[in-house]
C-alpha atoms as a PDB file:
ATOM      1  CA  UNK A   1      11.470 -15.491   2.078  1.00  0.00           C
ATOM      2  CA  UNK A   2       8.460 -14.619   0.644  1.00  0.00           C
ATOM      3  CA  UNK A   3       7.876 -15.079  -3.257  1.00  0.00           C
ATOM      4  CA  UNK A   4       5.780 -12.629  -5.186  1.00  0.00           C
ATOM      5  CA  UNK A   5       3.399 -15.566  -6.226  1.00  0.00           C
ATOM      6  CA  UNK A   6       2.691 -16.585  -2.629  1.00  0.00           C
ATOM      7  CA  UNK A   7       1.161 -13.159  -1.983  1.00  0.00           C
ATOM      8  CA  UNK A   8      -1.959 -12.382  -2.222  1.00  0.00           C
ATOM      9  CA  UNK A   9      -3.973  -8.666  -2.681  1.00  0.00           C
ATOM     10  CA  UNK A  10      -7.264  -8.613  -1.353  1.00  0.00           C
ATOM     11  CA  UNK A  11     -10.139  -6.635  -3.152  1.00  0.00           C
ATOM     12  CA  UNK A  12     -12.316  -4.481  -1.733  1.00  0.00           C
ATOM     13  CA  UNK A  13     -15.107  -6.698  -3.590  1.00  0.00           C
ATOM     14  CA  UNK A  14     -13.962  -9.855  -1.603  1.00  0.00           C
ATOM     15  CA  UNK A  15     -14.173  -7.844   1.717  1.00  0.00           C
ATOM     16  CA  UNK A  16     -17.339  -6.458   0.977  1.00  0.00           C
ATOM     17  CA  UNK A  17     -19.150 -10.101  -0.153  1.00  0.00           C
ATOM     18  CA  UNK A  18     -17.291 -12.069   2.414  1.00  0.00           C
ATOM     19  CA  UNK A  19     -18.877  -9.492   4.979  1.00  0.00           C
ATOM     20  CA  UNK A  20     -22.599  -9.241   4.267  1.00  0.00           C
ATOM     21  CA  UNK A  21     -23.857 -12.963   4.348  1.00  0.00           C
ATOM     22  CA  UNK A  22     -27.436 -11.668   2.534  1.00  0.00           C
ATOM     23  CA  UNK A  23     -26.252  -9.425  -0.077  1.00  0.00           C
ATOM     24  CA  UNK A  24     -25.702 -11.807  -2.231  1.00  0.00           C
ATOM     25  CA  UNK A  25     -25.183 -15.464  -0.747  1.00  0.00           C
ATOM     26  CA  UNK A  26     -23.027 -17.702  -3.314  1.00  0.00           C
ATOM     27  CA  UNK A  27     -20.560 -14.374  -3.321  1.00  0.00           C
ATOM     28  CA  UNK A  28     -20.874 -14.570   0.112  1.00  0.00           C
ATOM     29  CA  UNK A  29     -19.850 -18.372   0.021  1.00  0.00           C
ATOM     30  CA  UNK A  30     -17.504 -17.948  -2.626  1.00  0.00           C
ATOM     31  CA  UNK A  31     -15.368 -14.701  -0.877  1.00  0.00           C
ATOM     32  CA  UNK A  32     -15.342 -16.999   2.474  1.00  0.00           C
ATOM     33  CA  UNK A  33     -14.149 -20.464   1.110  1.00  0.00           C
ATOM     34  CA  UNK A  34     -11.323 -18.842  -1.194  1.00  0.00           C
ATOM     35  CA  UNK A  35     -10.206 -16.475   2.120  1.00  0.00           C
ATOM     36  CA  UNK A  36     -10.565 -19.895   4.085  1.00  0.00           C
ATOM     37  CA  UNK A  37      -7.691 -21.453   1.930  1.00  0.00           C
ATOM     38  CA  UNK A  38      -6.007 -18.819   0.936  1.00  0.00           C
ATOM     39  CA  UNK A  39      -5.296 -18.196   4.761  1.00  0.00           C
ATOM     40  CA  UNK A  40      -4.612 -22.281   5.636  1.00  0.00           C
ATOM     41  CA  UNK A  41      -2.375 -22.065   2.561  1.00  0.00           C
ATOM     42  CA  UNK A  42       0.545 -20.264   4.782  1.00  0.00           C
ATOM     43  CA  UNK A  43       0.535 -17.188   1.945  1.00  0.00           C
ATOM     44  CA  UNK A  44       0.751 -13.866   2.755  1.00  0.00           C
ATOM     45  CA  UNK A  45      -2.449 -11.523   2.313  1.00  0.00           C
ATOM     46  CA  UNK A  46      -2.220  -8.121   1.956  1.00  0.00           C
ATOM     47  CA  UNK A  47      -5.008  -5.288   2.534  1.00  0.00           C
ATOM     48  CA  UNK A  48      -4.188  -1.802   1.076  1.00  0.00           C
ATOM     49  CA  UNK A  49      -5.334   1.198   3.370  1.00  0.00           C
ATOM     50  CA  UNK A  50      -7.068   2.479   0.075  1.00  0.00           C
ATOM     51  CA  UNK A  51      -9.200  -1.021   0.408  1.00  0.00           C
ATOM     52  CA  UNK A  52      -9.964  -0.127   3.530  1.00  0.00           C
ATOM     53  CA  UNK A  53     -11.255   2.846   2.720  1.00  0.00           C
ATOM     54  CA  UNK A  54     -13.139   1.788   0.237  1.00  0.00           C
ATOM     55  CA  UNK A  55     -14.795  -0.696   2.280  1.00  0.00           C
ATOM     56  CA  UNK A  56     -15.852   1.917   4.815  1.00  0.00           C
ATOM     57  CA  UNK A  57     -17.457   4.132   2.279  1.00  0.00           C
ATOM     58  CA  UNK A  58     -19.189   0.953   1.080  1.00  0.00           C
ATOM     59  CA  UNK A  59     -20.495  -1.306   4.075  1.00  0.00           C
ATOM     60  CA  UNK A  60     -21.453   2.100   5.828  1.00  0.00           C
ATOM     61  CA  UNK A  61     -24.068   3.347   2.738  1.00  0.00           C
ATOM     62  CA  UNK A  62     -27.699   2.942   3.280  1.00  0.00           C
ATOM     63  CA  UNK A  63     -28.064   3.702  -0.594  1.00  0.00           C
ATOM     64  CA  UNK A  64     -26.554   0.002  -0.489  1.00  0.00           C
ATOM     65  CA  UNK A  65     -27.262  -1.941   2.139  1.00  0.00           C
ATOM     66  CA  UNK A  66     -30.674  -1.927   3.689  1.00  0.00           C
ATOM     67  CA  UNK A  67     -28.687  -2.839   7.221  1.00  0.00           C
ATOM     68  CA  UNK A  68     -25.382  -1.108   6.397  1.00  0.00           C
ATOM     69  CA  UNK A  69     -22.978  -1.614   9.184  1.00  0.00           C
ATOM     70  CA  UNK A  70     -22.566   1.367  11.622  1.00  0.00           C
ATOM     71  CA  UNK A  71     -19.436   3.103  11.628  1.00  0.00           C
ATOM     72  CA  UNK A  72     -18.416   1.461  14.623  1.00  0.00           C
ATOM     73  CA  UNK A  73     -18.778  -1.550  13.438  1.00  0.00           C
ATOM     74  CA  UNK A  74     -17.156  -0.708  10.317  1.00  0.00           C
ATOM     75  CA  UNK A  75     -13.462   0.598  12.290  1.00  0.00           C
ATOM     76  CA  UNK A  76     -13.890  -2.527  14.615  1.00  0.00           C
ATOM     77  CA  UNK A  77     -14.130  -4.651  11.303  1.00  0.00           C
ATOM     78  CA  UNK A  78     -10.823  -2.370   9.924  1.00  0.00           C
ATOM     79  CA  UNK A  79      -8.900  -2.342  12.869  1.00  0.00           C
ATOM     80  CA  UNK A  80      -9.367  -6.475  13.078  1.00  0.00           C
ATOM     81  CA  UNK A  81      -8.221  -6.267   9.127  1.00  0.00           C
ATOM     82  CA  UNK A  82      -6.263  -9.482   9.275  1.00  0.00           C
ATOM     83  CA  UNK A  83      -8.504 -11.274   7.524  1.00  0.00           C
ATOM     84  CA  UNK A  84      -9.670 -13.579   9.791  1.00  0.00           C
ATOM     85  CA  UNK A  85     -11.763 -11.095  10.997  1.00  0.00           C
ATOM     86  CA  UNK A  86     -13.534 -10.576   7.390  1.00  0.00           C
END
């Protein structure tokens, strides 16, 4: 049985910062460390469909990133949206 306190919802910002190393390097490292820690803790990690839509819209936007992901790259990330792929 998974208790509510053992479940963790992953926000869009965490996915974005964990994807781009050079966007904000400090936040990137913090997100990676946190996600790794949560993953190893055995807690259940959740990503909603809304978060995945937001992720796609942000990471493919060339007004936000000088080198955004292509649609294909972003979709590949989403298809592999188990936390480890981010």
